[in-house]
Amino acid sequence: MADKDKGPRKVTSFDVARVAGVSRAAVSRAFTPDASVSPKTREKVYQAAKELGYRVNYLARSLTNKRSDLVGLVAAGLDNPFRTLQIEHLAKALLARNFRPILLPTSQEADTSTVIGQLLHYAVSGVIVTSDAPPTEICEQCAAEGVPIVLINKGNDIPFVDRIISDDRMAGHLAATHLIDSGVRKPAVMAAPAISYTARRRSEAFIACCEQLGAEAQLLQIKVNDYQSGYDAAGELAASGIDGLFCANDYMACGVIDRLMHGRGRNDAPPLRVIGHDDIPQASWSAYDLTTIRQPCDFQAEQTVDLLMSRMAEPDLTARVELTPVTLIKRRTA
């Protein structure tokens, strides 16, 4: 009766070893990526595990190894379709390398160091940050504990912390050149440079390139690089005389277009040329058909995981910065 009260006994690796006719060490190797074990033994172990309903307890294993297969993904702004696309590709890239992503959503106002500190309790193998760059102190703490950090599209230069940065200067150049070549005479860029490293770099590059091409570009500053800010700010565009606009991201550009096209037919072109950045799925929808700068999330994710793994292998490498290439995608809006 006492055994029934306790419920069914949990299947262990010893049970799998007994049924498979192998040692417990062989069971452990069979479930360890890249471990030395013959295909025949691995198949016997997998078959026994399936019959018994056995699953590896990776958290328990991390207590033994002092490091788990978990990699923390710290992200803010998940309402932006680009951010969710970015997280999806990062997760897929980690899974393909036998890591298990753990997502911790945060916000622009949150203290990133607190979130990363929480991840350290899980003995994570690394941390990828797509939100605000963490303070130097928590990065140094991670380095001391052998936990590498990779920042995506962040400006902070921190020892032992690697960065992946989209080629924002090329993005600004591509947008400016395309608009001026299309006949735009009064260009502008819409962004929240005060809170975003990428928005600031894209804006600066766009304005500088317009100046080189003989046009004076205006900076339309908004508080947040999101849809609602773009929608609200677009209300004053009609009276401004601006005939070409580069938005710091597609999410904002969609808001701009929706405001500009209010009351118009969806087959009409916007009253001014609009270019976005990121090439989110919505950019190709017929409602927008947005000309944009593509930032390839799949390639960027591979770059990120490559840096993370190389930092795991060589923790004392100097901090590295890699650029993600961008391309102009021409559609109806410009």
Protein backbone atom coordinates (compact mmCIF):
# COMPACT_ATOMS: atom_id res chain seq x y z
CA MET A 1 0.00 0.00 0.00
CA ALA A 2 2.87 2.35 0.84
CA ASP A 3 4.38 1.90 -2.61
CA LYS A 4 1.03 2.72 -4.24
CA ASP A 5 0.82 5.93 -2.22
CA LYS A 6 4.20 6.97 -3.56
CA GLY A 7 3.09 6.44 -7.14
CA PRO A 8 5.06 4.71 -9.90
CA ARG A 9 8.82 4.52 -9.45
CA LYS A 10 10.80 6.91 -11.65
CA VAL A 11 12.77 5.23 -14.42
CA THR A 12 16.52 5.80 -14.08
CA SER A 13 19.55 5.43 -16.31
CA PHE A 14 20.35 2.22 -14.41
CA ASP A 15 17.06 0.75 -15.67
CA VAL A 16 17.90 1.76 -19.24
CA ALA A 17 21.36 0.21 -18.93
CA ARG A 18 19.89 -3.06 -17.66
CA VAL A 19 17.30 -3.35 -20.44
CA ALA A 20 19.79 -2.31 -23.15
CA GLY A 21 22.47 -4.64 -21.79
CA VAL A 22 25.09 -1.91 -21.56
CA SER A 23 26.86 0.00 -18.80
CA ARG A 24 25.41 3.12 -17.21
CA ALA A 25 28.36 5.06 -18.63
CA ALA A 26 27.28 3.96 -22.12
CA VAL A 27 23.78 5.31 -21.45
CA SER A 28 25.27 8.64 -20.42
CA ARG A 29 27.43 8.81 -23.55
CA ALA A 30 24.47 7.90 -25.77
CA PHE A 31 22.59 10.99 -24.57
CA THR A 32 25.60 13.31 -24.68
CA PRO A 33 26.08 15.16 -28.00
CA ASP A 34 29.36 14.28 -29.77
CA ALA A 35 30.29 11.68 -27.14
CA SER A 36 32.12 8.54 -28.27
CA VAL A 37 29.60 5.71 -28.60
CA SER A 38 28.95 3.22 -31.38
CA PRO A 39 25.78 3.60 -33.49
CA LYS A 40 24.69 0.10 -32.43
CA THR A 41 25.00 0.91 -28.71
CA ARG A 42 23.28 4.26 -29.14
CA GLU A 43 20.35 2.58 -30.92
CA LYS A 44 20.04 -0.06 -28.16
CA VAL A 45 20.01 2.68 -25.51
CA TYR A 46 17.44 4.80 -27.38
CA GLN A 47 15.18 1.79 -27.87
CA ALA A 48 15.37 0.83 -24.19
CA ALA A 49 14.69 4.43 -23.15
CA LYS A 50 11.65 4.59 -25.43
CA GLU A 51 10.25 1.31 -24.02
CA LEU A 52 10.73 2.46 -20.42
CA GLY A 53 9.63 6.06 -20.96
CA TYR A 54 12.99 7.40 -19.80
CA ARG A 55 13.96 11.05 -20.28
CA VAL A 56 17.29 12.67 -19.47
CA ASN A 57 17.14 15.16 -16.59
CA TYR A 58 19.36 17.88 -18.03
CA LEU A 59 19.03 20.12 -14.97
CA ALA A 60 20.23 17.31 -12.72
CA ARG A 61 23.08 16.65 -15.11
CA SER A 62 24.06 20.32 -14.94
CA LEU A 63 24.49 20.02 -11.17
CA THR A 64 27.02 17.27 -11.77
CA ASN A 65 28.80 18.97 -14.68
CA LYS A 66 28.47 22.49 -13.19
CA ARG A 67 27.20 23.62 -16.58
CA SER A 68 23.95 22.91 -18.40
CA ASP A 69 23.10 22.86 -22.10
CA LEU A 70 20.92 25.91 -21.52
CA VAL A 71 21.64 29.23 -23.24
CA GLY A 72 19.76 32.30 -22.04
CA LEU A 73 18.03 34.56 -24.55
CA VAL A 74 17.34 38.00 -23.07
CA ALA A 75 14.98 40.04 -25.24
CA ALA A 76 12.80 43.13 -25.04
CA GLY A 77 10.28 44.54 -27.51
CA LEU A 78 8.64 41.23 -28.37
CA ASP A 79 5.68 43.13 -29.83
CA ASN A 80 7.96 43.95 -32.78
CA PRO A 81 7.65 41.17 -35.43
CA PHE A 82 11.37 41.46 -36.14
CA ARG A 83 12.27 40.62 -32.54
CA THR A 84 10.13 37.49 -32.53
CA LEU A 85 11.65 36.44 -35.88
CA GLN A 86 15.11 37.06 -34.46
CA ILE A 87 14.38 34.93 -31.38
CA GLU A 88 12.98 32.13 -33.54
CA HIS A 89 16.16 31.93 -35.63
CA LEU A 90 18.41 32.14 -32.57
CA ALA A 91 16.48 29.30 -30.91
CA LYS A 92 16.73 27.14 -34.05
CA ALA A 93 20.47 27.81 -34.36
CA LEU A 94 21.03 26.86 -30.71
CA LEU A 95 18.97 23.67 -31.00
CA ALA A 96 20.94 22.68 -34.09
CA ARG A 97 24.14 22.88 -31.98
CA ASN A 98 22.60 20.77 -29.17
CA PHE A 99 21.88 23.72 -26.85
CA ARG A 100 18.51 24.43 -25.27
CA PRO A 101 17.36 28.06 -25.34
CA ILE A 102 15.67 29.59 -22.32
CA LEU A 103 13.88 32.89 -23.03
CA LEU A 104 13.67 35.66 -20.46
CA PRO A 105 11.53 38.54 -21.76
CA THR A 106 12.44 41.94 -20.37
CA SER A 107 11.68 45.58 -21.16
CA GLN A 108 13.51 48.77 -22.04
CA GLU A 109 13.10 49.95 -18.44
CA ALA A 110 14.22 46.69 -16.76
CA ASP A 111 17.68 46.12 -15.30
CA THR A 112 19.26 43.58 -17.66
CA SER A 113 21.84 42.60 -15.03
CA THR A 114 19.04 41.26 -12.80
CA VAL A 115 17.74 39.03 -15.59
CA ILE A 116 21.22 37.71 -16.40
CA GLY A 117 21.85 37.13 -12.71
CA GLN A 118 18.76 34.92 -12.65
CA LEU A 119 20.12 32.90 -15.57
CA LEU A 120 23.36 32.20 -13.72
CA HIS A 121 21.36 30.22 -11.15
CA TYR A 122 20.56 27.73 -13.92
CA ALA A 123 24.24 27.11 -14.73
CA VAL A 124 23.69 28.33 -18.30
CA SER A 125 26.43 27.78 -20.83
CA GLY A 126 26.03 31.24 -22.33
CA VAL A 127 23.82 34.31 -22.68
CA ILE A 128 22.60 36.12 -25.81
CA VAL A 129 21.22 39.63 -25.31
CA THR A 130 19.00 41.37 -27.87
CA SER A 131 17.63 43.99 -25.46
CA ASP A 132 19.59 46.80 -23.80
CA ALA A 133 23.24 46.01 -23.24
CA PRO A 134 23.95 44.80 -19.69
CA PRO A 135 26.16 46.76 -17.27
CA THR A 136 29.87 45.97 -17.34
CA GLU A 137 29.80 44.52 -13.81
CA ILE A 138 27.44 41.63 -14.63
CA CYS A 139 29.43 40.89 -17.81
CA GLU A 140 32.60 40.67 -15.75
CA GLN A 141 30.82 38.37 -13.30
CA CYS A 142 29.75 36.11 -16.17
CA ALA A 143 33.29 36.04 -17.53
CA ALA A 144 34.62 35.09 -14.09
CA GLU A 145 32.16 32.19 -13.98
CA GLY A 146 32.99 31.07 -17.52
CA VAL A 147 29.66 32.16 -19.01
CA PRO A 148 30.14 33.95 -22.37
CA ILE A 149 27.82 36.76 -23.49
CA VAL A 150 27.06 37.84 -27.05
CA LEU A 151 25.26 41.15 -27.65
CA ILE A 152 23.23 41.71 -30.82
CA ASN A 153 23.00 45.24 -32.23
CA LYS A 154 24.41 46.87 -29.10
CA GLY A 155 27.05 49.58 -28.92
CA ASN A 156 28.76 48.91 -25.60
CA ASP A 157 32.39 47.83 -25.88
CA ILE A 158 32.94 45.47 -22.92
CA PRO A 159 36.01 43.25 -22.33
CA PHE A 160 35.43 39.56 -23.22
CA VAL A 161 31.94 40.34 -24.59
CA ASP A 162 31.40 39.72 -28.30
CA ARG A 163 28.96 41.67 -30.48
CA ILE A 164 27.03 41.10 -33.69
CA ILE A 165 26.02 44.36 -35.36
CA SER A 166 23.88 44.84 -38.43
CA ASP A 167 25.66 46.96 -41.03
CA ASP A 168 23.69 50.09 -40.15
CA ARG A 169 26.01 52.43 -42.02
CA MET A 170 25.41 50.52 -45.25
CA ALA A 171 21.67 50.53 -44.49
CA GLY A 172 21.65 54.32 -44.24
CA HIS A 173 23.67 54.58 -47.45
CA LEU A 174 21.36 52.22 -49.36
CA ALA A 175 18.22 54.04 -48.21
CA ALA A 176 19.57 57.50 -48.98
CA THR A 177 20.94 56.56 -52.40
CA HIS A 178 17.73 54.84 -53.45
CA LEU A 179 15.51 57.75 -52.40
CA ILE A 180 17.68 60.42 -54.01
CA ASP A 181 18.01 58.36 -57.22
CA SER A 182 14.20 58.06 -57.22
CA GLY A 183 13.86 61.83 -57.37
CA VAL A 184 13.36 62.65 -53.69
CA ARG A 185 14.36 66.24 -52.93
CA LYS A 186 13.33 66.60 -49.28
CA PRO A 187 14.32 63.38 -47.48
CA ALA A 188 13.85 62.57 -43.79
CA VAL A 189 14.61 59.76 -41.38
CA MET A 190 12.27 58.78 -38.55
CA ALA A 191 13.87 57.21 -35.46
CA ALA A 192 14.27 57.25 -31.69
CA PRO A 193 18.06 57.71 -31.58
CA ALA A 194 18.11 58.50 -27.86
CA ILE A 195 17.17 54.95 -26.85
CA SER A 196 18.45 52.83 -29.72
CA TYR A 197 22.04 52.27 -30.86
CA THR A 198 20.93 50.94 -34.25
CA ALA A 199 18.43 53.74 -34.85
CA ARG A 200 21.13 56.29 -34.07
CA ARG A 201 23.67 54.69 -36.44
CA ARG A 202 21.13 54.30 -39.26
CA SER A 203 19.97 57.90 -38.88
CA GLU A 204 23.49 59.31 -38.85
CA ALA A 205 24.51 57.28 -41.91
CA PHE A 206 21.37 58.28 -43.82
CA ILE A 207 21.78 62.00 -43.10
CA ALA A 208 25.49 61.92 -43.97
CA CYS A 209 24.87 60.12 -47.28
CA CYS A 210 22.06 62.51 -48.25
CA GLU A 211 24.40 65.42 -47.60
CA GLN A 212 27.05 63.85 -49.83
CA LEU A 213 24.41 63.51 -52.54
CA GLY A 214 23.46 67.19 -52.25
CA ALA A 215 20.28 66.86 -50.21
CA GLU A 216 19.67 68.06 -46.65
CA ALA A 217 17.91 65.32 -44.67
CA GLN A 218 15.68 66.02 -41.69
CA LEU A 219 15.63 63.90 -38.51
CA LEU A 220 12.12 63.23 -37.21
CA GLN A 221 12.72 62.17 -33.61
CA ILE A 222 10.20 59.95 -31.87
CA LYS A 223 10.29 58.40 -28.39
CA VAL A 224 9.99 54.72 -29.31
CA ASN A 225 10.77 52.80 -32.50
CA ASP A 226 7.37 51.12 -32.70
CA TYR A 227 4.18 51.01 -34.77
CA GLN A 228 2.19 53.51 -32.71
CA SER A 229 4.97 56.09 -32.74
CA GLY A 230 5.20 55.81 -36.51
CA TYR A 231 1.44 56.10 -36.89
CA ASP A 232 1.24 59.17 -34.64
CA ALA A 233 4.22 60.97 -36.19
CA ALA A 234 2.95 60.40 -39.75
CA GLY A 235 0.05 62.76 -39.10
CA GLU A 236 2.28 65.79 -39.69
CA LEU A 237 4.08 64.46 -42.77
CA ALA A 238 1.54 65.72 -45.31
CA ALA A 239 2.13 69.38 -44.41
CA SER A 240 5.90 69.03 -44.05
CA GLY A 241 6.81 68.82 -47.70
CA ILE A 242 8.88 65.69 -47.06
CA ASP A 243 8.77 63.46 -50.15
CA GLY A 244 10.99 60.57 -49.00
CA LEU A 245 11.19 58.85 -45.61
CA PHE A 246 13.55 56.25 -44.15
CA CYS A 247 12.16 54.57 -41.02
CA ALA A 248 14.53 52.98 -38.51
CA ASN A 249 12.54 49.74 -38.66
CA ASP A 250 9.67 48.13 -40.57
CA TYR A 251 7.39 48.06 -37.52
CA MET A 252 7.42 51.85 -37.43
CA ALA A 253 7.15 52.10 -41.22
CA CYS A 254 3.95 50.02 -41.14
CA GLY A 255 2.45 52.55 -38.73
CA VAL A 256 3.49 55.39 -41.01
CA ILE A 257 1.93 53.76 -44.06
CA ASP A 258 -1.32 52.95 -42.27
CA ARG A 259 -1.67 56.62 -41.27
CA LEU A 260 -0.74 57.91 -44.72
CA MET A 261 -3.12 55.51 -46.45
CA HIS A 262 -6.09 56.13 -44.16
CA GLY A 263 -9.06 56.78 -46.41
CA ARG A 264 -7.17 55.83 -49.57
CA GLY A 265 -7.43 52.68 -51.66
CA ARG A 266 -4.97 49.97 -50.68
CA ASN A 267 -3.80 49.70 -54.28
CA ASP A 268 -2.63 53.30 -54.21
CA ALA A 269 0.99 54.18 -53.54
CA PRO A 270 1.72 56.26 -50.39
CA PRO A 271 1.86 60.03 -51.04
CA LEU A 272 5.59 59.94 -50.29
CA ARG A 273 8.30 57.32 -50.76
CA VAL A 274 8.88 55.14 -47.69
CA ILE A 275 11.73 52.74 -46.88
CA GLY A 276 11.89 50.56 -43.76
CA HIS A 277 14.48 48.29 -42.21
CA ASP A 278 14.50 44.57 -41.25
CA ASP A 279 12.22 42.97 -43.90
CA ILE A 280 9.73 41.54 -41.43
CA PRO A 281 7.11 39.18 -42.94
CA GLN A 282 4.48 41.96 -42.91
CA ALA A 283 6.67 44.10 -45.20
CA SER A 284 5.79 41.88 -48.17
CA TRP A 285 2.05 41.89 -47.45
CA SER A 286 -0.01 43.59 -50.16
CA ALA A 287 -1.27 46.10 -47.59
CA TYR A 288 2.26 47.47 -47.26
CA ASP A 289 4.48 46.13 -50.09
CA LEU A 290 7.24 47.98 -48.28
CA THR A 291 10.63 48.73 -49.76
CA THR A 292 13.07 47.87 -46.99
CA ILE A 293 16.58 46.94 -45.91
CA ARG A 294 16.84 43.23 -45.19
CA GLN A 295 18.67 42.21 -42.02
CA PRO A 296 18.95 38.39 -42.39
CA CYS A 297 17.97 36.84 -39.05
CA ASP A 298 19.07 33.34 -40.05
CA PHE A 299 22.61 34.41 -40.94
CA GLN A 300 22.82 36.67 -37.90
CA ALA A 301 21.79 33.78 -35.64
CA GLU A 302 24.57 31.57 -37.05
CA GLN A 303 27.09 34.37 -36.50
CA THR A 304 25.92 34.72 -32.91
CA VAL A 305 26.13 31.03 -32.02
CA ASP A 306 29.53 30.74 -33.72
CA LEU A 307 30.87 33.55 -31.52
CA LEU A 308 29.28 32.01 -28.44
CA MET A 309 30.81 28.59 -29.02
CA SER A 310 34.26 29.95 -29.85
CA ARG A 311 34.15 32.02 -26.64
CA MET A 312 33.27 28.85 -24.70
CA ALA A 313 36.35 27.18 -26.16
CA GLU A 314 38.64 30.19 -25.64
CA PRO A 315 37.32 32.43 -22.83
CA ASP A 316 40.30 34.82 -22.92
CA LEU A 317 39.86 35.96 -26.53
CA THR A 318 39.74 39.72 -26.99
CA ALA A 319 36.26 41.13 -27.58
CA ARG A 320 35.15 40.72 -31.19
CA VAL A 321 32.66 42.56 -33.40
CA GLU A 322 31.11 41.07 -36.54
CA LEU A 323 28.87 42.83 -39.06
CA THR A 324 25.69 41.32 -40.45
CA PRO A 325 25.38 42.32 -44.14
CA VAL A 326 22.23 44.08 -45.37
CA THR A 327 20.53 44.33 -48.76
CA LEU A 328 17.92 46.63 -50.31
CA ILE A 329 14.59 44.94 -51.10
CA LYS A 330 12.65 47.03 -53.64
CA ARG A 331 8.86 47.05 -53.45
CA ARG A 332 6.00 49.47 -54.18
CA THR A 333 6.57 52.15 -51.51
CA ALA A 334 9.86 53.47 -52.92
